[in-house]
Amino acid sequence: MTPMLRKLLGMNWVLFFLMIALSLFGVFAIYSATWMRPGQNFWKMQAIYLCLGIVVFFITALIDYRWIRWGALPIYLASIVTLVLTLLFGKKVYGARCWLEIGPINF
């Protein structure tokens, strides 16, 4: 048996299906809250994001955690630097300093 197949078979499927059920409930809640508004298909966009999220979930579930371990410290340090840059140079929006402008991109 290949390691990827072993990883998929050893996954906690009950937890996965509970996650799917809660996500589908969320899509249904969005649909029931916006069904009367013509031209507003928020539930369709949420369903698309749900499908994309499932694909990303399976891709990341197959990644060996030891590959990610070597990048933990640089990612942590970059996060701290980004928080300090936001505190010093962040753009104030609605009273909160929470956006970094890097050229045409708000981060």
PDB file of N, CA and C in Angstrom:
ATOM      1  N   MET A   1       0.837  -1.169   0.000  1.00  0.00           N
ATOM      2  CA  MET A   1       0.000   0.000   0.000  1.00  0.00           C
ATOM      3  C   MET A   1       0.891   1.245   0.000  1.00  0.00           C
ATOM      4  N   THR A   2       0.564   2.209  -0.838  1.00  0.00           N
ATOM      5  CA  THR A   2       1.365   3.422  -0.927  1.00  0.00           C
ATOM      6  C   THR A   2       1.122   4.301   0.306  1.00  0.00           C
ATOM      7  N   PRO A   3       2.087   5.135   0.646  1.00  0.00           N
ATOM      8  CA  PRO A   3       1.910   6.000   1.831  1.00  0.00           C
ATOM      9  C   PRO A   3       0.732   6.963   1.699  1.00  0.00           C
ATOM     10  N   MET A   4       0.477   7.457   0.484  1.00  0.00           N
ATOM     11  CA  MET A   4      -0.652   8.380   0.309  1.00  0.00           C
ATOM     12  C   MET A   4      -1.981   7.673   0.539  1.00  0.00           C
ATOM     13  N   LEU A   5      -2.111   6.479   0.001  1.00  0.00           N
ATOM     14  CA  LEU A   5      -3.345   5.718   0.196  1.00  0.00           C
ATOM     15  C   LEU A   5      -3.512   5.357   1.668  1.00  0.00           C
ATOM     16  N   ARG A   6      -2.426   4.996   2.323  1.00  0.00           N
ATOM     17  CA  ARG A   6      -2.479   4.669   3.742  1.00  0.00           C
ATOM     18  C   ARG A   6      -2.919   5.886   4.551  1.00  0.00           C
ATOM     19  N   LYS A   7      -2.425   7.062   4.142  1.00  0.00           N
ATOM     20  CA  LYS A   7      -2.806   8.284   4.843  1.00  0.00           C
ATOM     21  C   LYS A   7      -4.289   8.592   4.649  1.00  0.00           C
ATOM     22  N   LEU A   8      -4.788   8.395   3.431  1.00  0.00           N
ATOM     23  CA  LEU A   8      -6.213   8.640   3.181  1.00  0.00           C
ATOM     24  C   LEU A   8      -7.090   7.657   3.934  1.00  0.00           C
ATOM     25  N   LEU A   9      -6.708   6.399   3.965  1.00  0.00           N
ATOM     26  CA  LEU A   9      -7.518   5.402   4.659  1.00  0.00           C
ATOM     27  C   LEU A   9      -7.459   5.581   6.172  1.00  0.00           C
ATOM     28  N   GLY A  10      -6.380   6.123   6.681  1.00  0.00           N
ATOM     29  CA  GLY A  10      -6.237   6.320   8.113  1.00  0.00           C
ATOM     30  C   GLY A  10      -6.801   7.632   8.614  1.00  0.00           C
ATOM     31  N   MET A  11      -7.402   8.395   7.715  1.00  0.00           N
ATOM     32  CA  MET A  11      -7.944   9.687   8.100  1.00  0.00           C
ATOM     33  C   MET A  11      -9.199   9.503   8.953  1.00  0.00           C
ATOM     34  N   ASN A  12      -9.484  10.457   9.798  1.00  0.00           N
ATOM     35  CA  ASN A  12     -10.674  10.413  10.636  1.00  0.00           C
ATOM     36  C   ASN A  12     -11.878  10.812   9.782  1.00  0.00           C
ATOM     37  N   TRP A  13     -12.550   9.823   9.219  1.00  0.00           N
ATOM     38  CA  TRP A  13     -13.637  10.082   8.282  1.00  0.00           C
ATOM     39  C   TRP A  13     -14.882  10.614   8.969  1.00  0.00           C
ATOM     40  N   VAL A  14     -15.116  10.244  10.211  1.00  0.00           N
ATOM     41  CA  VAL A  14     -16.272  10.778  10.936  1.00  0.00           C
ATOM     42  C   VAL A  14     -16.121  12.284  11.085  1.00  0.00           C
ATOM     43  N   LEU A  15     -14.940  12.726  11.472  1.00  0.00           N
ATOM     44  CA  LEU A  15     -14.687  14.155  11.608  1.00  0.00           C
ATOM     45  C   LEU A  15     -14.819  14.864  10.256  1.00  0.00           C
ATOM     46  N   PHE A  16     -14.348  14.235   9.196  1.00  0.00           N
ATOM     47  CA  PHE A  16     -14.454  14.828   7.861  1.00  0.00           C
ATOM     48  C   PHE A  16     -15.917  15.011   7.459  1.00  0.00           C
ATOM     49  N   PHE A  17     -16.742  13.977   7.667  1.00  0.00           N
ATOM     50  CA  PHE A  17     -18.144  14.086   7.274  1.00  0.00           C
ATOM     51  C   PHE A  17     -18.922  15.047   8.168  1.00  0.00           C
ATOM     52  N   LEU A  18     -18.531  15.173   9.422  1.00  0.00           N
ATOM     53  CA  LEU A  18     -19.141  16.184  10.274  1.00  0.00           C
ATOM     54  C   LEU A  18     -18.787  17.588   9.783  1.00  0.00           C
ATOM     55  N   MET A  19     -17.549  17.779   9.333  1.00  0.00           N
ATOM     56  CA  MET A  19     -17.143  19.061   8.774  1.00  0.00           C
ATOM     57  C   MET A  19     -17.961  19.382   7.525  1.00  0.00           C
ATOM     58  N   ILE A  20     -18.156  18.384   6.670  1.00  0.00           N
ATOM     59  CA  ILE A  20     -18.953  18.591   5.454  1.00  0.00           C
ATOM     60  C   ILE A  20     -20.397  18.927   5.814  1.00  0.00           C
ATOM     61  N   ALA A  21     -20.954  18.214   6.793  1.00  0.00           N
ATOM     62  CA  ALA A  21     -22.341  18.463   7.195  1.00  0.00           C
ATOM     63  C   ALA A  21     -22.509  19.884   7.735  1.00  0.00           C
ATOM     64  N   LEU A  22     -21.583  20.336   8.573  1.00  0.00           N
ATOM     65  CA  LEU A  22     -21.661  21.702   9.087  1.00  0.00           C
ATOM     66  C   LEU A  22     -21.501  22.733   7.977  1.00  0.00           C
ATOM     67  N   SER A  23     -20.628  22.460   7.028  1.00  0.00           N
ATOM     68  CA  SER A  23     -20.431  23.384   5.911  1.00  0.00           C
ATOM     69  C   SER A  23     -21.673  23.448   5.029  1.00  0.00           C
ATOM     70  N   LEU A  24     -22.288  22.309   4.775  1.00  0.00           N
ATOM     71  CA  LEU A  24     -23.524  22.297   3.988  1.00  0.00           C
ATOM     72  C   LEU A  24     -24.661  23.000   4.724  1.00  0.00           C
ATOM     73  N   PHE A  25     -24.698  22.847   6.035  1.00  0.00           N
ATOM     74  CA  PHE A  25     -25.686  23.579   6.826  1.00  0.00           C
ATOM     75  C   PHE A  25     -25.460  25.082   6.680  1.00  0.00           C
ATOM     76  N   GLY A  26     -24.209  25.518   6.652  1.00  0.00           N
ATOM     77  CA  GLY A  26     -23.903  26.928   6.457  1.00  0.00           C
ATOM     78  C   GLY A  26     -24.356  27.432   5.095  1.00  0.00           C
ATOM     79  N   VAL A  27     -24.139  26.618   4.051  1.00  0.00           N
ATOM     80  CA  VAL A  27     -24.596  26.998   2.710  1.00  0.00           C
ATOM     81  C   VAL A  27     -26.118  27.094   2.695  1.00  0.00           C
ATOM     82  N   PHE A  28     -26.794  26.140   3.325  1.00  0.00           N
ATOM     83  CA  PHE A  28     -28.251  26.175   3.392  1.00  0.00           C
ATOM     84  C   PHE A  28     -28.737  27.398   4.168  1.00  0.00           C
ATOM     85  N   ALA A  29     -28.052  27.763   5.246  1.00  0.00           N
ATOM     86  CA  ALA A  29     -28.442  28.939   6.019  1.00  0.00           C
ATOM     87  C   ALA A  29     -28.296  30.208   5.182  1.00  0.00           C
ATOM     88  N   ILE A  30     -27.231  30.301   4.402  1.00  0.00           N
ATOM     89  CA  ILE A  30     -27.058  31.463   3.520  1.00  0.00           C
ATOM     90  C   ILE A  30     -28.145  31.485   2.458  1.00  0.00           C
ATOM     91  N   TYR A  31     -28.463  30.311   1.908  1.00  0.00           N
ATOM     92  CA  TYR A  31     -29.532  30.250   0.907  1.00  0.00           C
ATOM     93  C   TYR A  31     -30.866  30.681   1.506  1.00  0.00           C
ATOM     94  N   SER A  32     -31.194  30.188   2.685  1.00  0.00           N
ATOM     95  CA  SER A  32     -32.494  30.517   3.274  1.00  0.00           C
ATOM     96  C   SER A  32     -32.576  31.980   3.691  1.00  0.00           C
ATOM     97  N   ALA A  33     -31.440  32.606   3.956  1.00  0.00           N
ATOM     98  CA  ALA A  33     -31.444  34.015   4.333  1.00  0.00           C
ATOM     99  C   ALA A  33     -31.504  34.941   3.126  1.00  0.00           C
ATOM    100  N   THR A  34     -31.126  34.462   1.938  1.00  0.00           N
ATOM    101  CA  THR A  34     -31.042  35.355   0.773  1.00  0.00           C
ATOM    102  C   THR A  34     -31.842  34.868  -0.424  1.00  0.00           C
ATOM    103  N   TRP A  35     -32.730  33.901  -0.269  1.00  0.00           N
ATOM    104  CA  TRP A  35     -33.429  33.340  -1.433  1.00  0.00           C
ATOM    105  C   TRP A  35     -34.364  34.335  -2.085  1.00  0.00           C
ATOM    106  N   MET A  36     -34.844  35.320  -1.329  1.00  0.00           N
ATOM    107  CA  MET A  36     -35.830  36.253  -1.879  1.00  0.00           C
ATOM    108  C   MET A  36     -35.198  37.428  -2.618  1.00  0.00           C
ATOM    109  N   ARG A  37     -33.896  37.533  -2.595  1.00  0.00           N
ATOM    110  CA  ARG A  37     -33.222  38.632  -3.271  1.00  0.00           C
ATOM    111  C   ARG A  37     -32.814  38.195  -4.678  1.00  0.00           C
ATOM    112  N   PRO A  38     -33.430  38.759  -5.697  1.00  0.00           N
ATOM    113  CA  PRO A  38     -33.065  38.354  -7.063  1.00  0.00           C
ATOM    114  C   PRO A  38     -31.666  38.818  -7.430  1.00  0.00           C
ATOM    115  N   GLY A  39     -30.941  37.948  -8.092  1.00  0.00           N
ATOM    116  CA  GLY A  39     -29.595  38.284  -8.557  1.00  0.00           C
ATOM    117  C   GLY A  39     -28.515  38.155  -7.497  1.00  0.00           C
ATOM    118  N   GLN A  40     -28.864  37.758  -6.312  1.00  0.00           N
ATOM    119  CA  GLN A  40     -27.882  37.610  -5.240  1.00  0.00           C
ATOM    120  C   GLN A  40     -27.714  36.123  -4.961  1.00  0.00           C
ATOM    121  N   ASN A  41     -26.631  35.572  -5.449  1.00  0.00           N
ATOM    122  CA  ASN A  41     -26.374  34.144  -5.302  1.00  0.00           C
ATOM    123  C   ASN A  41     -25.197  33.905  -4.364  1.00  0.00           C
ATOM    124  N   PHE A  42     -25.336  34.390  -3.146  1.00  0.00           N
ATOM    125  CA  PHE A  42     -24.268  34.204  -2.165  1.00  0.00           C
ATOM    126  C   PHE A  42     -24.061  32.729  -1.852  1.00  0.00           C
ATOM    127  N   TRP A  43     -25.139  31.985  -1.850  1.00  0.00           N
ATOM    128  CA  TRP A  43     -25.039  30.566  -1.513  1.00  0.00           C
ATOM    129  C   TRP A  43     -24.277  29.797  -2.582  1.00  0.00           C
ATOM    130  N   LYS A  44     -24.400  30.211  -3.838  1.00  0.00           N
ATOM    131  CA  LYS A  44     -23.647  29.533  -4.894  1.00  0.00           C
ATOM    132  C   LYS A  44     -22.148  29.777  -4.742  1.00  0.00           C
ATOM    133  N   MET A  45     -21.787  31.022  -4.416  1.00  0.00           N
ATOM    134  CA  MET A  45     -20.382  31.318  -4.209  1.00  0.00           C
ATOM    135  C   MET A  45     -19.847  30.555  -2.994  1.00  0.00           C
ATOM    136  N   GLN A  46     -20.653  30.461  -1.941  1.00  0.00           N
ATOM    137  CA  GLN A  46     -20.224  29.724  -0.763  1.00  0.00           C
ATOM    138  C   GLN A  46     -20.059  28.240  -1.081  1.00  0.00           C
ATOM    139  N   ALA A  47     -20.938  27.692  -1.917  1.00  0.00           N
ATOM    140  CA  ALA A  47     -20.815  26.290  -2.309  1.00  0.00           C
ATOM    141  C   ALA A  47     -19.555  26.059  -3.146  1.00  0.00           C
ATOM    142  N   ILE A  48     -19.217  27.019  -3.995  1.00  0.00           N
ATOM    143  CA  ILE A  48     -17.988  26.912  -4.788  1.00  0.00           C
ATOM    144  C   ILE A  48     -16.778  26.945  -3.857  1.00  0.00           C
ATOM    145  N   TYR A  49     -16.798  27.869  -2.894  1.00  0.00           N
ATOM    146  CA  TYR A  49     -15.687  27.943  -1.935  1.00  0.00           C
ATOM    147  C   TYR A  49     -15.599  26.675  -1.099  1.00  0.00           C
ATOM    148  N   LEU A  50     -16.727  26.081  -0.787  1.00  0.00           N
ATOM    149  CA  LEU A  50     -16.726  24.818  -0.041  1.00  0.00           C
ATOM    150  C   LEU A  50     -16.042  23.723  -0.851  1.00  0.00           C
ATOM    151  N   CYS A  51     -16.370  23.625  -2.129  1.00  0.00           N
ATOM    152  CA  CYS A  51     -15.735  22.607  -2.986  1.00  0.00           C
ATOM    153  C   CYS A  51     -14.225  22.848  -3.099  1.00  0.00           C
ATOM    154  N   LEU A  52     -13.826  24.107  -3.287  1.00  0.00           N
ATOM    155  CA  LEU A  52     -12.402  24.424  -3.337  1.00  0.00           C
ATOM    156  C   LEU A  52     -11.720  24.102  -2.006  1.00  0.00           C
ATOM    157  N   GLY A  53     -12.407  24.377  -0.907  1.00  0.00           N
ATOM    158  CA  GLY A  53     -11.854  24.073   0.401  1.00  0.00           C
ATOM    159  C   GLY A  53     -11.652  22.586   0.618  1.00  0.00           C
ATOM    160  N   ILE A  54     -12.559  21.768   0.096  1.00  0.00           N
ATOM    161  CA  ILE A  54     -12.416  20.313   0.221  1.00  0.00           C
ATOM    162  C   ILE A  54     -11.192  19.837  -0.552  1.00  0.00           C
ATOM    163  N   VAL A  55     -10.993  20.380  -1.749  1.00  0.00           N
ATOM    164  CA  VAL A  55      -9.823  20.006  -2.543  1.00  0.00           C
ATOM    165  C   VAL A  55      -8.536  20.407  -1.817  1.00  0.00           C
ATOM    166  N   VAL A  56      -8.500  21.630  -1.285  1.00  0.00           N
ATOM    167  CA  VAL A  56      -7.316  22.094  -0.549  1.00  0.00           C
ATOM    168  C   VAL A  56      -7.119  21.254   0.708  1.00  0.00           C
ATOM    169  N   PHE A  57      -8.207  20.859   1.358  1.00  0.00           N
ATOM    170  CA  PHE A  57      -8.113  20.014   2.542  1.00  0.00           C
ATOM    171  C   PHE A  57      -7.411  18.697   2.222  1.00  0.00           C
ATOM    172  N   PHE A  58      -7.835  18.035   1.133  1.00  0.00           N
ATOM    173  CA  PHE A  58      -7.220  16.755   0.788  1.00  0.00           C
ATOM    174  C   PHE A  58      -5.752  16.921   0.377  1.00  0.00           C
ATOM    175  N   ILE A  59      -5.445  18.002  -0.328  1.00  0.00           N
ATOM    176  CA  ILE A  59      -4.052  18.231  -0.719  1.00  0.00           C
ATOM    177  C   ILE A  59      -3.179  18.441   0.511  1.00  0.00           C
ATOM    178  N   THR A  60      -3.656  19.262   1.452  1.00  0.00           N
ATOM    179  CA  THR A  60      -2.855  19.506   2.647  1.00  0.00           C
ATOM    180  C   THR A  60      -2.834  18.305   3.584  1.00  0.00           C
ATOM    181  N   ALA A  61      -3.867  17.477   3.551  1.00  0.00           N
ATOM    182  CA  ALA A  61      -3.879  16.282   4.396  1.00  0.00           C
ATOM    183  C   ALA A  61      -2.841  15.268   3.922  1.00  0.00           C
ATOM    184  N   LEU A  62      -2.485  15.317   2.660  1.00  0.00           N
ATOM    185  CA  LEU A  62      -1.508  14.375   2.125  1.00  0.00           C
ATOM    186  C   LEU A  62      -0.066  14.826   2.331  1.00  0.00           C
ATOM    187  N   ILE A  63       0.123  16.083   2.720  1.00  0.00           N
ATOM    188  CA  ILE A  63       1.471  16.584   2.943  1.00  0.00           C
ATOM    189  C   ILE A  63       1.980  16.044   4.274  1.00  0.00           C
ATOM    190  N   ASP A  64       3.183  15.553   4.269  1.00  0.00           N
ATOM    191  CA  ASP A  64       3.792  15.054   5.494  1.00  0.00           C
ATOM    192  C   ASP A  64       4.142  16.233   6.394  1.00  0.00           C
ATOM    193  N   TYR A  65       3.748  16.161   7.649  1.00  0.00           N
ATOM    194  CA  TYR A  65       3.946  17.291   8.556  1.00  0.00           C
ATOM    195  C   TYR A  65       5.424  17.598   8.782  1.00  0.00           C
ATOM    196  N   ARG A  66       6.295  16.632   8.582  1.00  0.00           N
ATOM    197  CA  ARG A  66       7.728  16.889   8.785  1.00  0.00           C
ATOM    198  C   ARG A  66       8.281  17.828   7.725  1.00  0.00           C
ATOM    199  N   TRP A  67       7.634  17.916   6.572  1.00  0.00           N
ATOM    200  CA  TRP A  67       8.072  18.859   5.543  1.00  0.00           C
ATOM    201  C   TRP A  67       7.762  20.286   5.976  1.00  0.00           C
ATOM    202  N   ILE A  68       6.684  20.438   6.708  1.00  0.00           N
ATOM    203  CA  ILE A  68       6.269  21.774   7.125  1.00  0.00           C
ATOM    204  C   ILE A  68       7.070  22.239   8.334  1.00  0.00           C
ATOM    205  N   ARG A  69       7.582  21.323   9.108  1.00  0.00           N
ATOM    206  CA  ARG A  69       8.271  21.648  10.355  1.00  0.00           C
ATOM    207  C   ARG A  69       9.464  22.578  10.133  1.00  0.00           C
ATOM    208  N   TRP A  70      10.226  22.393   9.049  1.00  0.00           N
ATOM    209  CA  TRP A  70      11.409  23.217   8.827  1.00  0.00           C
ATOM    210  C   TRP A  70      11.056  24.668   8.535  1.00  0.00           C
ATOM    211  N   GLY A  71       9.825  24.913   8.060  1.00  0.00           N
ATOM    212  CA  GLY A  71       9.438  26.285   7.740  1.00  0.00           C
ATOM    213  C   GLY A  71       8.687  26.993   8.849  1.00  0.00           C
ATOM    214  N   ALA A  72       8.488  26.344   9.989  1.00  0.00           N
ATOM    215  CA  ALA A  72       7.684  26.933  11.058  1.00  0.00           C
ATOM    216  C   ALA A  72       8.320  28.197  11.627  1.00  0.00           C
ATOM    217  N   LEU A  73       9.593  28.164  11.926  1.00  0.00           N
ATOM    218  CA  LEU A  73      10.253  29.327  12.523  1.00  0.00           C
ATOM    219  C   LEU A  73      10.295  30.516  11.553  1.00  0.00           C
ATOM    220  N   PRO A  74      10.695  30.340  10.285  1.00  0.00           N
ATOM    221  CA  PRO A  74      10.666  31.504   9.377  1.00  0.00           C
ATOM    222  C   PRO A  74       9.255  32.077   9.182  1.00  0.00           C
ATOM    223  N   ILE A  75       8.248  31.217   9.123  1.00  0.00           N
ATOM    224  CA  ILE A  75       6.877  31.706   8.960  1.00  0.00           C
ATOM    225  C   ILE A  75       6.446  32.475  10.200  1.00  0.00           C
ATOM    226  N   TYR A  76       6.799  31.967  11.375  1.00  0.00           N
ATOM    227  CA  TYR A  76       6.475  32.652  12.624  1.00  0.00           C
ATOM    228  C   TYR A  76       7.143  34.021  12.688  1.00  0.00           C
ATOM    229  N   LEU A  77       8.427  34.086  12.342  1.00  0.00           N
ATOM    230  CA  LEU A  77       9.149  35.358  12.380  1.00  0.00           C
ATOM    231  C   LEU A  77       8.581  36.346  11.359  1.00  0.00           C
ATOM    232  N   ALA A  78       8.219  35.858  10.174  1.00  0.00           N
ATOM    233  CA  ALA A  78       7.611  36.735   9.164  1.00  0.00           C
ATOM    234  C   ALA A  78       6.267  37.269   9.660  1.00  0.00           C
ATOM    235  N   SER A  79       5.524  36.467  10.384  1.00  0.00           N
ATOM    236  CA  SER A  79       4.246  36.923  10.944  1.00  0.00           C
ATOM    237  C   SER A  79       4.455  38.030  11.962  1.00  0.00           C
ATOM    238  N   ILE A  80       5.444  37.854  12.825  1.00  0.00           N
ATOM    239  CA  ILE A  80       5.737  38.877  13.827  1.00  0.00           C
ATOM    240  C   ILE A  80       6.168  40.175  13.153  1.00  0.00           C
ATOM    241  N   VAL A  81       7.024  40.084  12.137  1.00  0.00           N
ATOM    242  CA  VAL A  81       7.475  41.278  11.407  1.00  0.00           C
ATOM    243  C   VAL A  81       6.293  41.968  10.739  1.00  0.00           C
ATOM    244  N   THR A  82       5.390  41.194  10.157  1.00  0.00           N
ATOM    245  CA  THR A  82       4.208  41.766   9.506  1.00  0.00           C
ATOM    246  C   THR A  82       3.313  42.479  10.511  1.00  0.00           C
ATOM    247  N   LEU A  83       3.150  41.903  11.696  1.00  0.00           N
ATOM    248  CA  LEU A  83       2.355  42.565  12.737  1.00  0.00           C
ATOM    249  C   LEU A  83       2.979  43.876  13.174  1.00  0.00           C
ATOM    250  N   VAL A  84       4.297  43.904  13.321  1.00  0.00           N
ATOM    251  CA  VAL A  84       4.972  45.141  13.724  1.00  0.00           C
ATOM    252  C   VAL A  84       4.871  46.186  12.611  1.00  0.00           C
ATOM    253  N   LEU A  85       5.031  45.759  11.357  1.00  0.00           N
ATOM    254  CA  LEU A  85       4.885  46.698  10.230  1.00  0.00           C
ATOM    255  C   LEU A  85       3.473  47.261  10.162  1.00  0.00           C
ATOM    256  N   THR A  86       2.485  46.434  10.446  1.00  0.00           N
ATOM    257  CA  THR A  86       1.102  46.910  10.453  1.00  0.00           C
ATOM    258  C   THR A  86       0.904  47.930  11.565  1.00  0.00           C
ATOM    259  N   LEU A  87       1.494  47.681  12.716  1.00  0.00           N
ATOM    260  CA  LEU A  87       1.378  48.613  13.835  1.00  0.00           C
ATOM    261  C   LEU A  87       2.027  49.958  13.498  1.00  0.00           C
ATOM    262  N   LEU A  88       3.176  49.918  12.810  1.00  0.00           N
ATOM    263  CA  LEU A  88       3.914  51.145  12.512  1.00  0.00           C
ATOM    264  C   LEU A  88       3.408  51.868  11.268  1.00  0.00           C
ATOM    265  N   PHE A  89       3.145  51.131  10.191  1.00  0.00           N
ATOM    266  CA  PHE A  89       2.839  51.748   8.901  1.00  0.00           C
ATOM    267  C   PHE A  89       1.455  51.400   8.370  1.00  0.00           C
ATOM    268  N   GLY A  90       0.623  50.787   9.171  1.00  0.00           N
ATOM    269  CA  GLY A  90      -0.679  50.343   8.702  1.00  0.00           C
ATOM    270  C   GLY A  90      -1.629  51.483   8.391  1.00  0.00           C
ATOM    271  N   LYS A  91      -2.526  51.229   7.459  1.00  0.00           N
ATOM    272  CA  LYS A  91      -3.532  52.210   7.072  1.00  0.00           C
ATOM    273  C   LYS A  91      -4.722  52.075   8.017  1.00  0.00           C
ATOM    274  N   LYS A  92      -5.244  53.203   8.467  1.00  0.00           N
ATOM    275  CA  LYS A  92      -6.380  53.188   9.378  1.00  0.00           C
ATOM    276  C   LYS A  92      -7.673  53.123   8.573  1.00  0.00           C
ATOM    277  N   VAL A  93      -8.485  52.094   8.858  1.00  0.00           N
ATOM    278  CA  VAL A  93      -9.773  51.934   8.199  1.00  0.00           C
ATOM    279  C   VAL A  93     -10.817  51.735   9.282  1.00  0.00           C
ATOM    280  N   TYR A  94     -11.814  52.620   9.317  1.00  0.00           N
ATOM    281  CA  TYR A  94     -12.883  52.555  10.317  1.00  0.00           C
ATOM    282  C   TYR A  94     -12.337  52.513  11.736  1.00  0.00           C
ATOM    283  N   GLY A  95     -11.302  53.277  12.002  1.00  0.00           N
ATOM    284  CA  GLY A  95     -10.765  53.385  13.342  1.00  0.00           C
ATOM    285  C   GLY A  95      -9.784  52.299  13.739  1.00  0.00           C
ATOM    286  N   ALA A  96      -9.542  51.337  12.868  1.00  0.00           N
ATOM    287  CA  ALA A  96      -8.608  50.257  13.193  1.00  0.00           C
ATOM    288  C   ALA A  96      -7.430  50.301  12.224  1.00  0.00           C
ATOM    289  N   ARG A  97      -6.233  50.191  12.754  1.00  0.00           N
ATOM    290  CA  ARG A  97      -5.031  50.154  11.924  1.00  0.00           C
ATOM    291  C   ARG A  97      -4.764  48.694  11.577  1.00  0.00           C
ATOM    292  N   CYS A  98      -5.248  48.283  10.416  1.00  0.00           N
ATOM    293  CA  CYS A  98      -5.201  46.842  10.127  1.00  0.00           C
ATOM    294  C   CYS A  98      -4.822  46.502   8.679  1.00  0.00           C
ATOM    295  N   TRP A  99      -4.451  47.441   7.863  1.00  0.00           N
ATOM    296  CA  TRP A  99      -4.126  47.148   6.473  1.00  0.00           C
ATOM    297  C   TRP A  99      -2.735  47.662   6.133  1.00  0.00           C
ATOM    298  N   LEU A 100      -1.961  46.850   5.447  1.00  0.00           N
ATOM    299  CA  LEU A 100      -0.683  47.275   4.884  1.00  0.00           C
ATOM    300  C   LEU A 100      -0.901  47.495   3.394  1.00  0.00           C
ATOM    301  N   GLU A 101      -0.480  48.636   2.903  1.00  0.00           N
ATOM    302  CA  GLU A 101      -0.545  48.885   1.467  1.00  0.00           C
ATOM    303  C   GLU A 101       0.815  48.612   0.869  1.00  0.00           C
ATOM    304  N   ILE A 102       0.883  47.627  -0.004  1.00  0.00           N
ATOM    305  CA  ILE A 102       2.123  47.289  -0.703  1.00  0.00           C
ATOM    306  C   ILE A 102       1.827  47.465  -2.179  1.00  0.00           C
ATOM    307  N   GLY A 103       2.128  48.660  -2.670  1.00  0.00           N
ATOM    308  CA  GLY A 103       1.790  48.989  -4.050  1.00  0.00           C
ATOM    309  C   GLY A 103       0.266  49.015  -4.209  1.00  0.00           C
ATOM    310  N   PRO A 104      -0.240  48.321  -5.226  1.00  0.00           N
ATOM    311  CA  PRO A 104      -1.703  48.316  -5.428  1.00  0.00           C
ATOM    312  C   PRO A 104      -2.420  47.266  -4.581  1.00  0.00           C
ATOM    313  N   ILE A 105      -1.682  46.534  -3.756  1.00  0.00           N
ATOM    314  CA  ILE A 105      -2.279  45.443  -2.988  1.00  0.00           C
ATOM    315  C   ILE A 105      -2.433  45.854  -1.534  1.00  0.00           C
ATOM    316  N   ASN A 106      -3.617  45.642  -0.983  1.00  0.00           N
ATOM    317  CA  ASN A 106      -3.847  45.842   0.453  1.00  0.00           C
ATOM    318  C   ASN A 106      -3.721  44.503   1.122  1.00  0.00           C
ATOM    319  N   PHE A 107      -2.881  44.452   2.145  1.00  0.00           N
ATOM    320  CA  PHE A 107      -2.610  43.192   2.836  1.00  0.00           C
ATOM    321  C   PHE A 107      -2.876  43.364   4.316  1.00  0.00           C
TER     322      PHE A 107
END
